[in-house]
Amino acid sequence: MSTQPQRTVLERFPAGGPGGSWPAEEYAAAERAQGRPDAQVVMDLPSDQFLVITRTITQ
């Protein structure tokens, strides 16, 4: 049985918005400060958005 990483999208930010990825980075930092150490920002190219995600391993 293999494990598959699953991602949960916490928030979405438009890539073309003012400030670029900064709002997403700030949101991820706030989530980490509130106890979600794996919150991170990734770029979703098809939707042209920055996503703040967490990853969990499911079996």
Protein backbone atom coordinates (compact mmCIF):
# COMPACT_ATOMS: atom_id res chain seq x y z
CA MET A 1 0.00 0.00 0.00
CA SER A 2 1.48 3.36 -1.01
CA THR A 3 0.86 6.69 0.57
CA GLN A 4 -0.38 9.62 -1.46
CA PRO A 5 0.12 13.23 -0.40
CA GLN A 6 -3.17 15.09 -0.39
CA ARG A 7 -3.36 18.86 -0.42
CA THR A 8 -5.97 21.01 1.19
CA VAL A 9 -6.37 24.51 -0.24
CA LEU A 10 -6.79 27.00 2.61
CA GLU A 11 -7.01 30.16 0.49
CA ARG A 12 -6.53 31.42 -3.09
CA PHE A 13 -4.92 34.68 -4.25
CA PRO A 14 -4.85 36.00 -7.84
CA ALA A 15 -1.35 36.02 -9.30
CA GLY A 16 -2.00 39.31 -11.07
CA GLY A 17 -3.15 41.07 -7.92
CA PRO A 18 -1.27 43.93 -6.31
CA GLY A 19 1.71 42.74 -4.35
CA GLY A 20 2.15 39.49 -6.28
CA SER A 21 2.56 36.56 -3.89
CA TRP A 22 2.97 38.68 -0.74
CA PRO A 23 -0.65 38.38 0.46
CA ALA A 24 -0.43 34.61 0.04
CA GLU A 25 2.91 34.47 1.89
CA GLU A 26 1.48 36.58 4.73
CA TYR A 27 -1.58 34.33 4.97
CA ALA A 28 0.61 31.20 5.06
CA ALA A 29 2.82 32.74 7.77
CA ALA A 30 -0.27 33.54 9.86
CA GLU A 31 -1.50 29.95 9.44
CA ARG A 32 1.90 28.61 10.54
CA ALA A 33 1.83 30.90 13.58
CA GLN A 34 -1.61 29.50 14.47
CA GLY A 35 -0.43 25.90 14.49
CA ARG A 36 -0.36 24.73 10.88
CA PRO A 37 3.40 24.28 10.40
CA ASP A 38 3.00 22.80 6.91
CA ALA A 39 1.10 25.76 5.39
CA GLN A 40 2.87 26.79 2.22
CA VAL A 41 2.33 28.78 -0.96
CA VAL A 42 2.28 27.12 -4.37
CA MET A 43 1.54 28.51 -7.80
CA ASP A 44 -1.36 26.95 -9.68
CA LEU A 45 -0.53 27.72 -13.31
CA PRO A 46 -3.83 26.62 -14.89
CA SER A 47 -5.83 29.02 -12.70
CA ASP A 48 -3.08 31.69 -12.47
CA GLN A 49 -3.44 31.79 -8.69
CA PHE A 50 -1.24 31.44 -5.64
CA LEU A 51 -2.67 28.77 -3.35
CA VAL A 52 -2.00 28.44 0.36
CA ILE A 53 -2.06 24.71 1.02
CA THR A 54 -1.36 22.08 3.62
CA ARG A 55 -0.24 18.59 2.73
CA THR A 56 -1.36 15.46 4.52
CA ILE A 57 -0.44 11.85 3.88
CA THR A 58 -3.30 9.39 3.45
CA GLN A 59 -3.02 5.65 3.25
